[in-house]
Amino acid sequence: MKNIIFFVDAKKSASGGAKIIYQYSSYINSLTDFTSSIVHLEKKKTYKWLNSFKKKINNKNQKNESGWQLKELKVKKGFRYTCFNQKIKIKENLKINSKEDFIILPEIFAHFAKDFLIEKKIPYSIFVQNGYSIFPTNNIKKLNIAYQKAKFILSYSKDIRECISLAYPEIKEKIIDVNYAIDSNKFNIKTKKENLITYMPRKLPKHSELVISFLSNSLPKKWKIKAINNLTEEEVYKTLERSKIFLAFSDLEGLPLPPIEAAIAGNKVIGYTGEGGKEYWKEPIFTEIKTSEIKLFCQTIIKKIKIKKFINKTHHQRKQLFNKFSTLNERQSIRKFLKKI
């Protein structure tokens, strides 16, 4: 029985990418011929201090290898993202069995493959969740080897596939398309909508600050704006159920998750596609704003708050989103890449 081990960055705030990995690992554990576990990595405190010190005294002419280095990392024991409710198994060490384990590295850790996996003949793949994060280090030689030696590369959007193919044209036949799911059953569409605008300040905070500031005296008094931050998955869904408009500040992302969740919850979504979002960014639910158009962003919001019967008008489009990001599609795509292991 093969054990699929996912590596995840243990951040203070959870990302959509971590949520998707949790979903994948949870489903794999429900199968009879595979198991799965997750390793959470963090930077050792000594290296945090040392890197900070090096930045202060760094010689501009000195060329150091950028990005996280394997020797700087450790397993963060006792950690899991509590905002997600998936049942997962946590692995709290870096002991790998080359015959029983198969490693899936996120693109931000791809350069670890050469020293950590290839030399020990441990099979692995790379899960690219953001095509604009495939250069986590300036050591291009290490990255080239990592992608060339990977058994396959996982991608869940057209934009991600195109980024990988552009950077590594010789391995594009290794790319396997997968899907992620949004459980529409977790949303109560019958929740009464309020005159509420929501957004997530984690991405491009300067942009969101400007938009919110410009709107402070322009919105009708009956409307409110709420930041979605440091909430559990359930709390996020309940907030999106009540809001009418969601502002997307996506910044170069593979296939941004929050705008889809907001749309399924019955929101009008206004903002940045993050490039990857262009795959589903269509009117009438989604209105695109270019990242430099702050004034137009605000003017569009003021215009769109006047929309009537939005839920009824967008029923068909939301149903298409339900089908595209269904649990069935996600699980079929997971089984597809498991057959390659």
Protein backbone atom coordinates (compact mmCIF):
# COMPACT_ATOMS: atom_id res chain seq x y z
CA MET A 1 0.00 0.00 0.00
CA LYS A 2 1.44 3.36 -1.06
CA ASN A 3 1.48 6.28 1.35
CA ILE A 4 1.11 9.69 -0.30
CA ILE A 5 2.92 12.39 1.69
CA PHE A 6 2.07 16.04 1.04
CA PHE A 7 4.39 18.82 2.20
CA VAL A 8 2.82 22.10 3.33
CA ASP A 9 4.17 25.41 4.56
CA ALA A 10 3.00 25.97 8.14
CA LYS A 11 1.92 29.61 7.97
CA LYS A 12 0.13 31.69 10.59
CA SER A 13 -2.83 32.16 8.26
CA ALA A 14 -4.12 29.37 6.06
CA SER A 15 -4.27 29.57 2.28
CA GLY A 16 -6.60 28.12 -0.32
CA GLY A 17 -3.73 25.92 -1.46
CA ALA A 18 -3.39 24.32 1.96
CA LYS A 19 -7.14 23.73 2.06
CA ILE A 20 -7.02 21.88 -1.26
CA ILE A 21 -4.13 19.68 -0.09
CA TYR A 22 -6.12 18.84 3.05
CA GLN A 23 -9.08 17.84 0.85
CA TYR A 24 -6.88 15.65 -1.36
CA SER A 25 -5.17 13.93 1.56
CA SER A 26 -8.47 13.34 3.35
CA TYR A 27 -10.01 11.68 0.30
CA ILE A 28 -6.95 9.50 -0.39
CA ASN A 29 -7.23 8.17 3.17
CA SER A 30 -10.75 6.98 2.42
CA LEU A 31 -9.46 4.68 -0.33
CA THR A 32 -8.54 1.05 0.28
CA ASP A 33 -5.25 0.91 -1.64
CA PHE A 34 -3.65 4.21 -0.53
CA THR A 35 -2.98 6.15 2.65
CA SER A 36 -1.94 9.77 3.00
CA SER A 37 -0.31 12.08 5.50
CA ILE A 38 0.76 15.73 5.66
CA VAL A 39 4.07 17.20 6.80
CA HIS A 40 3.99 20.84 7.93
CA LEU A 41 7.31 22.66 7.56
CA GLU A 42 8.55 25.84 9.21
CA LYS A 43 11.85 27.71 9.32
CA LYS A 44 14.07 27.07 12.32
CA LYS A 45 14.31 30.05 14.67
CA THR A 46 18.10 30.21 14.42
CA TYR A 47 17.89 30.60 10.65
CA LYS A 48 15.15 33.21 10.91
CA TRP A 49 17.48 35.31 13.04
CA LEU A 50 20.54 34.55 10.90
CA ASN A 51 18.79 35.46 7.63
CA SER A 52 17.53 38.68 9.13
CA PHE A 53 21.07 39.53 10.26
CA LYS A 54 22.52 38.67 6.82
CA LYS A 55 20.09 41.03 5.11
CA LYS A 56 21.35 43.91 7.25
CA ILE A 57 25.02 43.33 6.45
CA ASN A 58 24.68 41.69 3.05
CA ASN A 59 27.23 42.64 0.40
CA LYS A 60 25.29 43.62 -2.74
CA ASN A 61 27.92 41.95 -4.91
CA GLN A 62 27.63 38.66 -3.05
CA LYS A 63 25.31 36.16 -4.76
CA ASN A 64 23.56 33.89 -2.27
CA GLU A 65 21.07 31.18 -3.12
CA SER A 66 17.62 32.66 -2.58
CA GLY A 67 14.54 31.00 -1.16
CA TRP A 68 14.04 28.53 1.64
CA GLN A 69 16.84 26.00 2.09
CA LEU A 70 16.29 22.46 3.30
CA LYS A 71 18.79 22.77 6.16
CA GLU A 72 16.84 25.77 7.48
CA LEU A 73 13.58 23.87 7.87
CA LYS A 74 12.06 21.58 10.45
CA VAL A 75 8.77 19.79 10.93
CA LYS A 76 6.32 21.85 12.95
CA LYS A 77 5.01 19.30 15.41
CA GLY A 78 1.50 19.44 16.79
CA PHE A 79 0.43 21.79 14.00
CA ARG A 80 -2.58 21.72 11.73
CA TYR A 81 -4.78 24.39 10.19
CA THR A 82 -7.72 24.42 12.57
CA CYS A 83 -9.84 26.57 10.25
CA PHE A 84 -10.35 23.52 7.99
CA ASN A 85 -12.51 20.62 9.11
CA GLN A 86 -11.09 17.84 6.93
CA LYS A 87 -9.90 14.70 8.71
CA ILE A 88 -6.19 14.31 7.98
CA LYS A 89 -3.20 12.34 9.23
CA ILE A 90 -0.19 14.39 10.29
CA LYS A 91 3.38 13.14 9.90
CA GLU A 92 5.79 14.70 12.39
CA ASN A 93 9.15 13.56 11.03
CA LEU A 94 11.12 13.43 7.77
CA LYS A 95 11.72 9.67 7.74
CA ILE A 96 10.83 8.49 4.24
CA ASN A 97 10.60 4.92 2.94
CA SER A 98 11.55 4.92 -0.75
CA LYS A 99 9.52 1.75 -1.42
CA GLU A 100 6.33 2.66 0.43
CA ASP A 101 6.13 6.47 0.29
CA PHE A 102 5.45 8.83 -2.58
CA ILE A 103 6.13 12.55 -1.99
CA ILE A 104 4.13 15.45 -3.38
CA LEU A 105 6.02 18.73 -3.08
CA PRO A 106 4.36 22.13 -3.55
CA GLU A 107 6.05 24.29 -6.16
CA ILE A 108 7.56 26.50 -3.43
CA PHE A 109 9.57 23.49 -2.18
CA ALA A 110 10.38 22.00 -5.61
CA HIS A 111 14.11 22.79 -5.31
CA PHE A 112 14.36 20.47 -2.28
CA ALA A 113 13.94 17.47 -4.59
CA LYS A 114 17.60 17.22 -5.64
CA ASP A 115 19.15 16.92 -2.17
CA PHE A 116 16.20 15.49 -0.27
CA LEU A 117 14.63 13.00 -2.71
CA ILE A 118 16.53 12.37 -5.95
CA GLU A 119 19.81 11.38 -4.32
CA LYS A 120 17.92 8.95 -2.05
CA LYS A 121 15.87 7.59 -4.98
CA ILE A 122 12.58 8.60 -3.38
CA PRO A 123 9.75 8.97 -5.95
CA TYR A 124 7.96 12.30 -6.04
CA SER A 125 5.83 14.73 -8.01
CA ILE A 126 5.40 18.51 -7.88
CA PHE A 127 2.01 20.10 -7.20
CA VAL A 128 1.97 23.53 -8.85
CA GLN A 129 -0.88 25.55 -7.37
CA ASN A 130 0.41 28.86 -8.65
CA GLY A 131 2.28 29.18 -11.93
CA TYR A 132 3.83 32.44 -10.75
CA SER A 133 5.50 30.74 -7.78
CA ILE A 134 7.54 28.17 -9.73
CA PHE A 135 10.82 30.04 -9.15
CA PRO A 136 11.21 29.85 -5.35
CA THR A 137 14.99 30.03 -5.69
CA ASN A 138 17.53 31.57 -8.04
CA ASN A 139 19.22 28.16 -8.34
CA ILE A 140 17.75 27.40 -11.76
CA LYS A 141 19.89 24.28 -12.12
CA LYS A 142 18.25 22.72 -9.05
CA LEU A 143 14.79 23.63 -10.31
CA ASN A 144 15.44 22.18 -13.76
CA ILE A 145 16.58 18.89 -12.25
CA ALA A 146 13.58 18.83 -9.87
CA TYR A 147 11.04 19.19 -12.69
CA GLN A 148 12.89 16.83 -15.06
CA LYS A 149 13.14 14.03 -12.48
CA ALA A 150 9.57 14.35 -11.14
CA LYS A 151 7.29 11.47 -12.05
CA PHE A 152 4.56 13.96 -12.97
CA ILE A 153 3.48 17.56 -12.36
CA LEU A 154 0.03 18.41 -11.01
CA SER A 155 -1.87 21.50 -12.22
CA TYR A 156 -5.47 22.58 -11.69
CA SER A 157 -5.85 25.40 -14.20
CA LYS A 158 -5.11 26.35 -17.78
CA ASP A 159 -3.02 29.29 -16.55
CA ILE A 160 -0.85 27.04 -14.35
CA ARG A 161 -0.32 24.58 -17.21
CA GLU A 162 0.74 27.40 -19.53
CA CYS A 163 3.22 28.77 -16.95
CA ILE A 164 4.81 25.33 -16.45
CA SER A 165 4.99 24.69 -20.20
CA LEU A 166 6.61 28.08 -20.78
CA ALA A 167 9.23 27.61 -18.04
CA TYR A 168 9.90 23.91 -18.70
CA PRO A 169 8.78 23.08 -22.28
CA GLU A 170 10.62 19.76 -22.26
CA ILE A 171 8.41 18.29 -19.50
CA LYS A 172 4.96 19.55 -20.51
CA GLU A 173 3.84 16.00 -21.31
CA LYS A 174 4.29 15.19 -17.61
CA ILE A 175 1.57 17.64 -16.55
CA ILE A 176 -1.59 16.04 -15.17
CA ASP A 177 -4.70 18.20 -14.86
CA VAL A 178 -6.54 17.88 -11.56
CA ASN A 179 -9.57 19.60 -10.04
CA TYR A 180 -10.49 20.98 -6.68
CA ALA A 181 -13.95 20.95 -5.15
CA ILE A 182 -16.15 23.41 -3.34
CA ASP A 183 -18.84 21.66 -1.34
CA SER A 184 -21.96 23.62 -2.25
CA ASN A 185 -23.88 21.74 0.45
CA LYS A 186 -22.01 23.80 3.05
CA PHE A 187 -23.67 26.99 1.79
CA ASN A 188 -27.18 27.95 2.78
CA ILE A 189 -28.35 29.92 -0.26
CA LYS A 190 -31.63 30.69 1.53
CA THR A 191 -29.83 32.86 4.10
CA LYS A 192 -31.23 36.38 3.97
CA LYS A 193 -28.85 38.72 2.20
CA GLU A 194 -27.75 41.95 3.87
CA ASN A 195 -26.40 45.18 2.39
CA LEU A 196 -22.93 43.87 3.05
CA ILE A 197 -19.70 44.01 1.02
CA THR A 198 -16.97 41.53 1.96
CA TYR A 199 -13.29 41.15 1.06
CA MET A 200 -10.12 39.38 2.20
CA PRO A 201 -7.32 41.84 3.11
CA ARG A 202 -4.51 39.22 2.99
CA LYS A 203 -3.82 39.78 -0.72
CA LEU A 204 -2.66 43.21 -1.94
CA PRO A 205 -3.51 45.00 1.34
CA LYS A 206 -2.57 48.42 -0.05
CA HIS A 207 -5.15 48.03 -2.82
CA SER A 208 -7.91 46.95 -0.46
CA GLU A 209 -7.07 49.81 1.93
CA LEU A 210 -7.38 52.33 -0.90
CA VAL A 211 -10.67 50.94 -2.19
CA ILE A 212 -12.22 50.82 1.29
CA SER A 213 -10.99 54.35 2.08
CA PHE A 214 -12.39 55.81 -1.14
CA LEU A 215 -15.73 54.12 -0.46
CA SER A 216 -16.03 55.26 3.15
CA ASN A 217 -17.99 58.42 2.26
CA SER A 218 -19.44 57.26 -1.06
CA LEU A 219 -21.52 54.23 -0.13
CA PRO A 220 -25.17 54.62 0.92
CA LYS A 221 -25.49 54.64 4.72
CA LYS A 222 -27.38 51.33 4.72
CA TRP A 223 -24.37 49.49 3.30
CA LYS A 224 -21.51 48.04 5.35
CA ILE A 225 -18.07 46.63 4.49
CA LYS A 226 -16.58 43.67 6.37
CA ALA A 227 -13.08 42.17 6.14
CA ILE A 228 -12.93 38.37 6.21
CA ASN A 229 -9.83 37.54 8.20
CA ASN A 230 -8.75 34.86 10.70
CA LEU A 231 -12.07 33.02 10.52
CA THR A 232 -12.83 29.30 10.42
CA GLU A 233 -14.12 27.78 7.19
CA GLU A 234 -17.65 27.71 8.61
CA GLU A 235 -17.46 31.36 9.69
CA VAL A 236 -16.22 32.38 6.23
CA TYR A 237 -19.14 30.58 4.58
CA LYS A 238 -21.69 32.16 6.92
CA THR A 239 -20.29 35.62 6.20
CA LEU A 240 -20.39 35.04 2.43
CA GLU A 241 -23.96 33.79 2.70
CA ARG A 242 -25.01 37.15 4.18
CA SER A 243 -23.04 39.42 1.87
CA LYS A 244 -24.18 40.66 -1.53
CA ILE A 245 -20.86 41.77 -3.03
CA PHE A 246 -17.39 40.24 -2.71
CA LEU A 247 -14.28 42.22 -3.64
CA ALA A 248 -11.44 40.14 -5.10
CA PHE A 249 -7.87 41.36 -4.63
CA SER A 250 -6.25 38.27 -6.18
CA ASP A 251 -2.56 38.71 -6.94
CA LEU A 252 -1.08 36.41 -9.63
CA GLU A 253 -2.74 33.17 -8.57
CA GLY A 254 -3.22 29.83 -10.27
CA LEU A 255 -6.99 29.56 -9.81
CA PRO A 256 -8.12 31.73 -6.87
CA LEU A 257 -10.53 29.94 -4.55
CA PRO A 258 -12.32 32.71 -2.52
CA PRO A 259 -14.02 34.37 -5.54
CA ILE A 260 -15.57 31.02 -6.50
CA GLU A 261 -16.79 30.41 -2.95
CA ALA A 262 -18.24 33.92 -2.87
CA ALA A 263 -20.00 33.36 -6.20
CA ILE A 264 -21.51 30.05 -5.09
CA ALA A 265 -22.72 31.81 -1.93
CA GLY A 266 -24.68 34.22 -4.15
CA ASN A 267 -22.34 37.21 -4.26
CA LYS A 268 -21.65 39.58 -7.10
CA VAL A 269 -17.83 39.37 -7.44
CA ILE A 270 -15.87 42.46 -8.48
CA GLY A 271 -12.11 42.73 -8.79
CA TYR A 272 -8.89 41.17 -9.99
CA THR A 273 -8.79 37.80 -11.72
CA GLY A 274 -5.27 37.06 -10.50
CA GLU A 275 -4.74 35.85 -14.10
CA GLY A 276 -5.78 32.26 -13.27
CA GLY A 277 -9.31 33.39 -12.46
CA LYS A 278 -9.92 34.29 -16.11
CA GLU A 279 -10.88 30.64 -16.55
CA TYR A 280 -14.21 31.26 -14.79
CA TRP A 281 -14.43 35.09 -14.67
CA LYS A 282 -17.58 35.75 -16.69
CA GLU A 283 -20.48 38.15 -16.38
CA PRO A 284 -22.99 38.54 -14.85
CA ILE A 285 -21.50 37.12 -11.63
CA PHE A 286 -17.91 38.28 -12.18
CA THR A 287 -16.80 41.77 -13.19
CA GLU A 288 -13.09 42.20 -13.90
CA ILE A 289 -11.10 45.24 -12.78
CA LYS A 290 -7.49 45.75 -13.88
CA THR A 291 -5.08 46.05 -10.96
CA SER A 292 -4.23 49.71 -11.62
CA GLU A 293 -7.84 50.90 -11.85
CA ILE A 294 -8.58 51.78 -8.23
CA LYS A 295 -11.05 54.57 -9.07
CA LEU A 296 -12.92 52.37 -11.57
CA PHE A 297 -13.01 49.62 -8.92
CA CYS A 298 -14.84 51.96 -6.54
CA GLN A 299 -17.15 53.36 -9.22
CA THR A 300 -18.12 49.84 -10.29
CA ILE A 301 -18.99 48.84 -6.72
CA ILE A 302 -21.26 51.88 -6.31
CA LYS A 303 -22.94 51.04 -9.62
CA LYS A 304 -23.43 47.32 -8.85
CA ILE A 305 -25.09 47.79 -5.44
CA LYS A 306 -28.20 48.78 -7.39
CA ILE A 307 -28.61 45.34 -8.98
CA LYS A 308 -32.00 43.74 -8.31
CA LYS A 309 -32.89 40.01 -8.11
CA PHE A 310 -29.24 39.03 -8.59
CA ILE A 311 -29.68 35.50 -7.15
CA ASN A 312 -32.46 34.62 -9.60
CA LYS A 313 -30.62 36.11 -12.59
CA THR A 314 -27.43 34.14 -11.91
CA HIS A 315 -28.93 30.75 -11.01
CA HIS A 316 -27.75 29.07 -14.24
CA GLN A 317 -24.19 30.39 -13.95
CA ARG A 318 -23.90 29.32 -10.32
CA LYS A 319 -25.10 25.85 -11.30
CA GLN A 320 -22.28 25.70 -13.86
CA LEU A 321 -19.81 26.57 -11.10
CA PHE A 322 -21.32 23.83 -8.88
CA ASN A 323 -20.68 21.30 -11.64
CA LYS A 324 -17.18 22.51 -12.55
CA PHE A 325 -15.97 22.53 -8.93
CA SER A 326 -17.82 19.41 -7.81
CA THR A 327 -16.59 16.77 -5.38
CA LEU A 328 -17.09 14.17 -8.12
CA ASN A 329 -14.69 15.97 -10.49
CA GLU A 330 -12.13 16.42 -7.74
CA ARG A 331 -12.16 12.76 -6.74
CA GLN A 332 -12.00 11.51 -10.31
CA SER A 333 -8.93 13.68 -10.95
CA ILE A 334 -7.24 12.42 -7.77
CA ARG A 335 -7.78 8.81 -8.82
CA LYS A 336 -6.34 9.69 -12.25
CA PHE A 337 -2.95 10.75 -10.86
CA LEU A 338 -2.90 7.94 -8.28
CA LYS A 339 -2.89 5.48 -11.20
CA LYS A 340 0.43 7.03 -12.31
CA ILE A 341 2.14 6.27 -9.00
